Amino acid sequence: MTTNVSECFNGVLKGARSLPITAMVKYTWFKLNSYFDDRRNKSIAQLNSRQKWTKYALDIFMRNKAKAEHHRVTRLSAQQQSYQVDTPHNPGICIRYRHDAEQYIDPCYSVDALFRSYAPIFPALKDRLSWSDPEETRRVLPNPRLIRAKGRPVSTRIRNEMDEGGNRPRTTPWKEGGRKVQCGLCDQEGHNRRTCPKRNEVPTSGGVAD
């Protein structure tokens, strides 16, 4: 089971797989920039509409408020040996005692905090002609042993530390790093019954070998 952050990165950067390094960096930069622009514009629209809390926090607050209207509070006093069941809560009890229920919402869920989170603007990438020349120039030759094989590359999920099995032995031969195939005749690993070198020596029909 992977963490939410790992699943998020796997989903967002799925389109950047099997790309050259320059194209991968460019894709990631524009993807993150568009993500910030979209959230920034939404927070500005919420500020202009005089909205104090984000939709996520407001939905949870209203759902809990509707649920609290049907709560029954049980009070038990060990000192006075009293036991009492109150009537259902009145929705206006906070107004009666001049309590603002929104004061218990964490400020991080406010629209102002949302805007400040996505307020930073990414500087635009300069044109390649305006790049400064490096002090040291070297010609880097590609490694011929790392040339990609023919055919379409196989795309798999990005592995992380959550996928490491540690010292726990794997019991399936179909996963990476799993147990080798075990022969059903000689109980040796590395081959099966069809390729067993002792196939002709071990009887398979219940008879006795010579």
C-alpha atoms as a PDB file:
ATOM      1  CA  MET A   1       0.000   0.000   0.000  1.00  0.00           C
ATOM      2  CA  THR A   2       1.522   3.290  -1.098  1.00  0.00           C
ATOM      3  CA  THR A   3       1.122   6.718   0.443  1.00  0.00           C
ATOM      4  CA  ASN A   4      -1.187   9.401  -0.938  1.00  0.00           C
ATOM      5  CA  VAL A   5       1.795  11.500  -2.042  1.00  0.00           C
ATOM      6  CA  SER A   6       3.203   8.610  -4.072  1.00  0.00           C
ATOM      7  CA  GLU A   7      -0.139   7.978  -5.734  1.00  0.00           C
ATOM      8  CA  CYS A   8      -0.454  11.706  -6.516  1.00  0.00           C
ATOM      9  CA  PHE A   9       2.943  11.857  -8.197  1.00  0.00           C
ATOM     10  CA  ASN A  10       2.231   8.677 -10.148  1.00  0.00           C
ATOM     11  CA  GLY A  11      -1.006  10.156 -11.462  1.00  0.00           C
ATOM     12  CA  VAL A  12       0.222  13.668 -12.258  1.00  0.00           C
ATOM     13  CA  LEU A  13       3.511  12.663 -13.901  1.00  0.00           C
ATOM     14  CA  LYS A  14       2.161   9.683 -15.811  1.00  0.00           C
ATOM     15  CA  GLY A  15       2.272  11.638 -19.079  1.00  0.00           C
ATOM     16  CA  ALA A  16       5.964  12.457 -18.576  1.00  0.00           C
ATOM     17  CA  ARG A  17       7.146   8.866 -18.790  1.00  0.00           C
ATOM     18  CA  SER A  18       9.282   7.555 -21.655  1.00  0.00           C
ATOM     19  CA  LEU A  19      10.281  11.100 -22.656  1.00  0.00           C
ATOM     20  CA  PRO A  20      13.736  12.642 -23.103  1.00  0.00           C
ATOM     21  CA  ILE A  21      15.064  14.395 -20.024  1.00  0.00           C
ATOM     22  CA  THR A  22      14.555  17.900 -21.483  1.00  0.00           C
ATOM     23  CA  ALA A  23      10.991  17.148 -22.524  1.00  0.00           C
ATOM     24  CA  MET A  24      10.295  15.576 -19.130  1.00  0.00           C
ATOM     25  CA  VAL A  25      11.517  18.665 -17.239  1.00  0.00           C
ATOM     26  CA  LYS A  26       9.547  20.959 -19.554  1.00  0.00           C
ATOM     27  CA  TYR A  27       6.380  18.906 -19.131  1.00  0.00           C
ATOM     28  CA  THR A  28       6.726  18.882 -15.338  1.00  0.00           C
ATOM     29  CA  TRP A  29       7.335  22.648 -15.214  1.00  0.00           C
ATOM     30  CA  PHE A  30       4.298  23.555 -17.330  1.00  0.00           C
ATOM     31  CA  LYS A  31       2.124  21.016 -15.503  1.00  0.00           C
ATOM     32  CA  LEU A  32       2.992  22.509 -12.113  1.00  0.00           C
ATOM     33  CA  ASN A  33       2.634  26.067 -13.411  1.00  0.00           C
ATOM     34  CA  SER A  34      -0.840  25.401 -14.826  1.00  0.00           C
ATOM     35  CA  TYR A  35      -1.807  23.715 -11.546  1.00  0.00           C
ATOM     36  CA  PHE A  36      -0.865  26.838  -9.561  1.00  0.00           C
ATOM     37  CA  ASP A  37      -2.586  29.166 -12.050  1.00  0.00           C
ATOM     38  CA  ASP A  38      -5.833  27.208 -11.868  1.00  0.00           C
ATOM     39  CA  ARG A  39      -5.881  27.162  -8.043  1.00  0.00           C
ATOM     40  CA  ARG A  40      -4.867  30.820  -7.845  1.00  0.00           C
ATOM     41  CA  ASN A  41      -7.687  31.930 -10.158  1.00  0.00           C
ATOM     42  CA  LYS A  42     -10.232  29.873  -8.225  1.00  0.00           C
ATOM     43  CA  SER A  43      -9.125  31.391  -4.912  1.00  0.00           C
ATOM     44  CA  ILE A  44      -9.347  34.921  -6.373  1.00  0.00           C
ATOM     45  CA  ALA A  45     -12.894  34.226  -7.565  1.00  0.00           C
ATOM     46  CA  GLN A  46     -13.836  33.008  -4.085  1.00  0.00           C
ATOM     47  CA  LEU A  47     -12.326  36.115  -2.486  1.00  0.00           C
ATOM     48  CA  ASN A  48     -14.273  38.376  -4.853  1.00  0.00           C
ATOM     49  CA  SER A  49     -17.501  36.585  -3.920  1.00  0.00           C
ATOM     50  CA  ARG A  50     -16.887  37.308  -0.200  1.00  0.00           C
ATOM     51  CA  GLN A  51     -16.469  33.625   0.582  1.00  0.00           C
ATOM     52  CA  LYS A  52     -14.632  33.074   3.860  1.00  0.00           C
ATOM     53  CA  TRP A  53     -14.042  29.315   3.871  1.00  0.00           C
ATOM     54  CA  THR A  54     -13.116  26.906   1.120  1.00  0.00           C
ATOM     55  CA  LYS A  55     -15.756  24.619  -0.344  1.00  0.00           C
ATOM     56  CA  TYR A  56     -14.005  21.578   1.147  1.00  0.00           C
ATOM     57  CA  ALA A  57     -14.131  22.957   4.703  1.00  0.00           C
ATOM     58  CA  LEU A  58     -17.607  24.448   4.327  1.00  0.00           C
ATOM     59  CA  ASP A  59     -19.110  21.158   3.137  1.00  0.00           C
ATOM     60  CA  ILE A  60     -17.645  19.307   6.135  1.00  0.00           C
ATOM     61  CA  PHE A  61     -18.863  22.034   8.510  1.00  0.00           C
ATOM     62  CA  MET A  62     -22.427  21.980   7.177  1.00  0.00           C
ATOM     63  CA  ARG A  63     -22.502  18.170   7.196  1.00  0.00           C
ATOM     64  CA  ASN A  64     -21.368  18.052  10.829  1.00  0.00           C
ATOM     65  CA  LYS A  65     -23.792  20.820  11.744  1.00  0.00           C
ATOM     66  CA  ALA A  66     -26.725  18.881  10.298  1.00  0.00           C
ATOM     67  CA  LYS A  67     -25.577  15.769  12.139  1.00  0.00           C
ATOM     68  CA  ALA A  68     -25.201  17.629  15.453  1.00  0.00           C
ATOM     69  CA  GLU A  69     -28.835  18.748  15.351  1.00  0.00           C
ATOM     70  CA  HIS A  70     -29.888  15.172  16.140  1.00  0.00           C
ATOM     71  CA  HIS A  71     -27.287  14.453  18.830  1.00  0.00           C
ATOM     72  CA  ARG A  72     -28.361  13.531  22.343  1.00  0.00           C
ATOM     73  CA  VAL A  73     -25.866  14.429  25.047  1.00  0.00           C
ATOM     74  CA  THR A  74     -25.457  12.124  28.034  1.00  0.00           C
ATOM     75  CA  ARG A  75     -24.075  13.653  31.228  1.00  0.00           C
ATOM     76  CA  LEU A  76     -22.737  11.533  34.070  1.00  0.00           C
ATOM     77  CA  SER A  77     -21.386  13.022  37.309  1.00  0.00           C
ATOM     78  CA  ALA A  78     -19.364  10.639  39.475  1.00  0.00           C
ATOM     79  CA  GLN A  79     -19.311  13.097  42.411  1.00  0.00           C
ATOM     80  CA  GLN A  80     -23.011  13.863  42.533  1.00  0.00           C
ATOM     81  CA  GLN A  81     -24.034  10.386  41.333  1.00  0.00           C
ATOM     82  CA  SER A  82     -26.308  11.980  38.775  1.00  0.00           C
ATOM     83  CA  TYR A  83     -27.257  10.669  35.344  1.00  0.00           C
ATOM     84  CA  GLN A  84     -29.195  12.777  32.897  1.00  0.00           C
ATOM     85  CA  VAL A  85     -30.061  12.598  29.216  1.00  0.00           C
ATOM     86  CA  ASP A  86     -30.654  15.992  27.646  1.00  0.00           C
ATOM     87  CA  THR A  87     -33.050  16.751  24.852  1.00  0.00           C
ATOM     88  CA  PRO A  88     -31.693  17.035  21.310  1.00  0.00           C
ATOM     89  CA  HIS A  89     -29.503  20.037  20.700  1.00  0.00           C
ATOM     90  CA  ASN A  90     -31.066  23.187  19.407  1.00  0.00           C
ATOM     91  CA  PRO A  91     -29.391  24.444  16.200  1.00  0.00           C
ATOM     92  CA  GLY A  92     -29.426  27.927  17.635  1.00  0.00           C
ATOM     93  CA  ILE A  93     -27.650  27.023  20.886  1.00  0.00           C
ATOM     94  CA  CYS A  94     -24.441  28.711  19.700  1.00  0.00           C
ATOM     95  CA  ILE A  95     -26.420  31.859  18.916  1.00  0.00           C
ATOM     96  CA  ARG A  96     -28.132  31.668  22.293  1.00  0.00           C
ATOM     97  CA  TYR A  97     -24.826  31.638  24.140  1.00  0.00           C
ATOM     98  CA  ARG A  98     -23.218  33.963  21.576  1.00  0.00           C
ATOM     99  CA  HIS A  99     -20.757  31.333  20.388  1.00  0.00           C
ATOM    100  CA  ASP A 100     -19.536  31.405  16.800  1.00  0.00           C
ATOM    101  CA  ALA A 101     -19.190  27.812  15.637  1.00  0.00           C
ATOM    102  CA  GLU A 102     -16.884  28.862  12.791  1.00  0.00           C
ATOM    103  CA  GLN A 103     -14.206  29.832  15.283  1.00  0.00           C
ATOM    104  CA  TYR A 104     -13.388  26.135  15.658  1.00  0.00           C
ATOM    105  CA  ILE A 105     -12.474  25.795  11.970  1.00  0.00           C
ATOM    106  CA  ASP A 106      -8.725  25.804  11.409  1.00  0.00           C
ATOM    107  CA  PRO A 107      -7.552  29.021   9.668  1.00  0.00           C
ATOM    108  CA  CYS A 108      -5.664  26.950   7.101  1.00  0.00           C
ATOM    109  CA  TYR A 109      -9.036  26.163   5.478  1.00  0.00           C
ATOM    110  CA  SER A 110      -9.826  29.832   4.826  1.00  0.00           C
ATOM    111  CA  VAL A 111      -9.927  31.210   1.293  1.00  0.00           C
ATOM    112  CA  ASP A 112      -7.260  33.754   2.221  1.00  0.00           C
ATOM    113  CA  ALA A 113      -4.874  30.966   3.239  1.00  0.00           C
ATOM    114  CA  LEU A 114      -5.675  29.139   0.000  1.00  0.00           C
ATOM    115  CA  PHE A 115      -4.827  32.235  -2.028  1.00  0.00           C
ATOM    116  CA  ARG A 116      -1.549  32.786  -0.182  1.00  0.00           C
ATOM    117  CA  SER A 117      -0.576  29.159  -0.830  1.00  0.00           C
ATOM    118  CA  TYR A 118      -0.879  29.558  -4.605  1.00  0.00           C
ATOM    119  CA  ALA A 119       0.087  33.242  -4.831  1.00  0.00           C
ATOM    120  CA  PRO A 120       3.754  32.711  -5.889  1.00  0.00           C
ATOM    121  CA  ILE A 121       4.295  33.074  -9.632  1.00  0.00           C
ATOM    122  CA  PHE A 122       6.820  30.969 -11.481  1.00  0.00           C
ATOM    123  CA  PRO A 123       9.378  32.988 -13.477  1.00  0.00           C
ATOM    124  CA  ALA A 124       9.159  32.424 -17.211  1.00  0.00           C
ATOM    125  CA  LEU A 125      11.758  30.234 -18.855  1.00  0.00           C
ATOM    126  CA  LYS A 126      14.304  32.209 -20.826  1.00  0.00           C
ATOM    127  CA  ASP A 127      14.958  31.544 -24.462  1.00  0.00           C
ATOM    128  CA  ARG A 128      17.921  29.310 -25.163  1.00  0.00           C
ATOM    129  CA  LEU A 129      19.695  32.129 -27.025  1.00  0.00           C
ATOM    130  CA  SER A 130      19.735  34.206 -23.816  1.00  0.00           C
ATOM    131  CA  TRP A 131      21.412  31.508 -21.729  1.00  0.00           C
ATOM    132  CA  SER A 132      24.835  32.326 -20.377  1.00  0.00           C
ATOM    133  CA  ASP A 133      27.713  30.211 -21.630  1.00  0.00           C
ATOM    134  CA  PRO A 134      29.092  27.774 -19.057  1.00  0.00           C
ATOM    135  CA  GLU A 135      32.621  28.275 -17.839  1.00  0.00           C
ATOM    136  CA  GLU A 136      33.590  24.715 -18.683  1.00  0.00           C
ATOM    137  CA  THR A 137      32.494  23.022 -21.877  1.00  0.00           C
ATOM    138  CA  ARG A 138      32.835  19.310 -22.412  1.00  0.00           C
ATOM    139  CA  ARG A 139      31.519  17.032 -25.092  1.00  0.00           C
ATOM    140  CA  VAL A 140      29.471  14.253 -23.576  1.00  0.00           C
ATOM    141  CA  LEU A 141      29.186  11.098 -25.643  1.00  0.00           C
ATOM    142  CA  PRO A 142      26.208   8.793 -25.133  1.00  0.00           C
ATOM    143  CA  ASN A 143      26.828   5.365 -23.739  1.00  0.00           C
ATOM    144  CA  PRO A 144      26.133   2.839 -26.526  1.00  0.00           C
ATOM    145  CA  ARG A 145      25.171   0.211 -23.952  1.00  0.00           C
ATOM    146  CA  LEU A 146      22.272   2.377 -22.778  1.00  0.00           C
ATOM    147  CA  ILE A 147      20.649   2.696 -26.189  1.00  0.00           C
ATOM    148  CA  ARG A 148      16.970   1.895 -25.989  1.00  0.00           C
ATOM    149  CA  ALA A 149      15.931  -1.329 -27.638  1.00  0.00           C
ATOM    150  CA  LYS A 150      13.625  -1.447 -30.634  1.00  0.00           C
ATOM    151  CA  GLY A 151       9.898  -1.358 -30.168  1.00  0.00           C
ATOM    152  CA  ARG A 152       7.560   0.627 -27.979  1.00  0.00           C
ATOM    153  CA  PRO A 153       8.828   1.047 -24.407  1.00  0.00           C
ATOM    154  CA  VAL A 154       6.854  -0.672 -21.686  1.00  0.00           C
ATOM    155  CA  SER A 155       5.363   1.861 -19.275  1.00  0.00           C
ATOM    156  CA  THR A 156       5.057   0.781 -15.654  1.00  0.00           C
ATOM    157  CA  ARG A 157       4.247   2.611 -12.458  1.00  0.00           C
ATOM    158  CA  ILE A 158       6.986   4.562 -10.696  1.00  0.00           C
ATOM    159  CA  ARG A 159       8.405   2.485  -7.869  1.00  0.00           C
ATOM    160  CA  ASN A 160       9.235   4.080  -4.519  1.00  0.00           C
ATOM    161  CA  GLU A 161      10.356   3.112  -1.043  1.00  0.00           C
ATOM    162  CA  MET A 162       6.920   1.713  -0.255  1.00  0.00           C
ATOM    163  CA  ASP A 163       7.456  -0.993  -2.861  1.00  0.00           C
ATOM    164  CA  GLU A 164      10.606  -2.295  -1.234  1.00  0.00           C
ATOM    165  CA  GLY A 165      10.009  -5.693   0.273  1.00  0.00           C
ATOM    166  CA  GLY A 166      12.831  -5.403   2.825  1.00  0.00           C
ATOM    167  CA  ASN A 167      13.774  -8.743   4.344  1.00  0.00           C
ATOM    168  CA  ARG A 168      10.341 -10.245   3.876  1.00  0.00           C
ATOM    169  CA  PRO A 169      10.468 -13.217   1.484  1.00  0.00           C
ATOM    170  CA  ARG A 170       8.119 -13.141  -1.456  1.00  0.00           C
ATOM    171  CA  THR A 171       5.976 -16.166  -2.093  1.00  0.00           C
ATOM    172  CA  THR A 172       4.915 -15.580  -5.697  1.00  0.00           C
ATOM    173  CA  PRO A 173       7.107 -16.196  -8.755  1.00  0.00           C
ATOM    174  CA  TRP A 174       5.249 -13.577 -10.812  1.00  0.00           C
ATOM    175  CA  LYS A 175       6.555 -10.473  -9.033  1.00  0.00           C
ATOM    176  CA  GLU A 176       9.901  -8.810  -9.325  1.00  0.00           C
ATOM    177  CA  GLY A 177      12.365 -10.335  -6.907  1.00  0.00           C
ATOM    178  CA  GLY A 178      10.047 -13.275  -6.251  1.00  0.00           C
ATOM    179  CA  ARG A 179      10.887 -16.904  -5.642  1.00  0.00           C
ATOM    180  CA  LYS A 180      12.264 -18.913  -8.548  1.00  0.00           C
ATOM    181  CA  VAL A 181      10.297 -21.653 -10.212  1.00  0.00           C
ATOM    182  CA  GLN A 182      10.553 -24.926  -8.299  1.00  0.00           C
ATOM    183  CA  CYS A 183      10.474 -28.280 -10.035  1.00  0.00           C
ATOM    184  CA  GLY A 184       7.702 -30.655  -9.003  1.00  0.00           C
ATOM    185  CA  LEU A 185       9.835 -33.746  -9.597  1.00  0.00           C
ATOM    186  CA  CYS A 186      13.165 -33.114  -7.894  1.00  0.00           C
ATOM    187  CA  ASP A 187      12.142 -30.092  -5.768  1.00  0.00           C
ATOM    188  CA  GLN A 188      15.026 -28.032  -7.187  1.00  0.00           C
ATOM    189  CA  GLU A 189      14.752 -24.385  -8.214  1.00  0.00           C
ATOM    190  CA  GLY A 190      15.556 -22.973 -11.626  1.00  0.00           C
ATOM    191  CA  HIS A 191      13.510 -25.314 -13.840  1.00  0.00           C
ATOM    192  CA  ASN A 192      10.137 -27.033 -14.063  1.00  0.00           C
ATOM    193  CA  ARG A 193       8.904 -30.584 -14.695  1.00  0.00           C
ATOM    194  CA  ARG A 194       9.254 -30.353 -18.472  1.00  0.00           C
ATOM    195  CA  THR A 195      12.886 -29.183 -18.396  1.00  0.00           C
ATOM    196  CA  CYS A 196      13.980 -31.287 -15.426  1.00  0.00           C
ATOM    197  CA  PRO A 197      17.291 -33.100 -16.143  1.00  0.00           C
ATOM    198  CA  LYS A 198      16.063 -36.022 -14.041  1.00  0.00           C
ATOM    199  CA  ARG A 199      12.790 -36.302 -15.890  1.00  0.00           C
ATOM    200  CA  ASN A 200      13.584 -39.780 -17.247  1.00  0.00           C
ATOM    201  CA  GLU A 201      14.938 -40.974 -13.927  1.00  0.00           C
ATOM    202  CA  VAL A 202      11.961 -40.078 -11.742  1.00  0.00           C
ATOM    203  CA  PRO A 203       8.796 -42.162 -12.348  1.00  0.00           C
ATOM    204  CA  THR A 204       5.625 -40.159 -13.007  1.00  0.00           C
ATOM    205  CA  SER A 205       3.033 -42.977 -13.202  1.00  0.00           C
ATOM    206  CA  GLY A 206       3.566 -44.544  -9.800  1.00  0.00           C
ATOM    207  CA  GLY A 207       5.945 -47.249 -11.080  1.00  0.00           C
ATOM    208  CA  VAL A 208       9.407 -48.046  -9.793  1.00  0.00           C
ATOM    209  CA  ALA A 209      12.390 -46.612 -11.655  1.00  0.00           C
ATOM    210  CA  ASP A 210      15.184 -48.910 -12.740  1.00  0.00           C
END
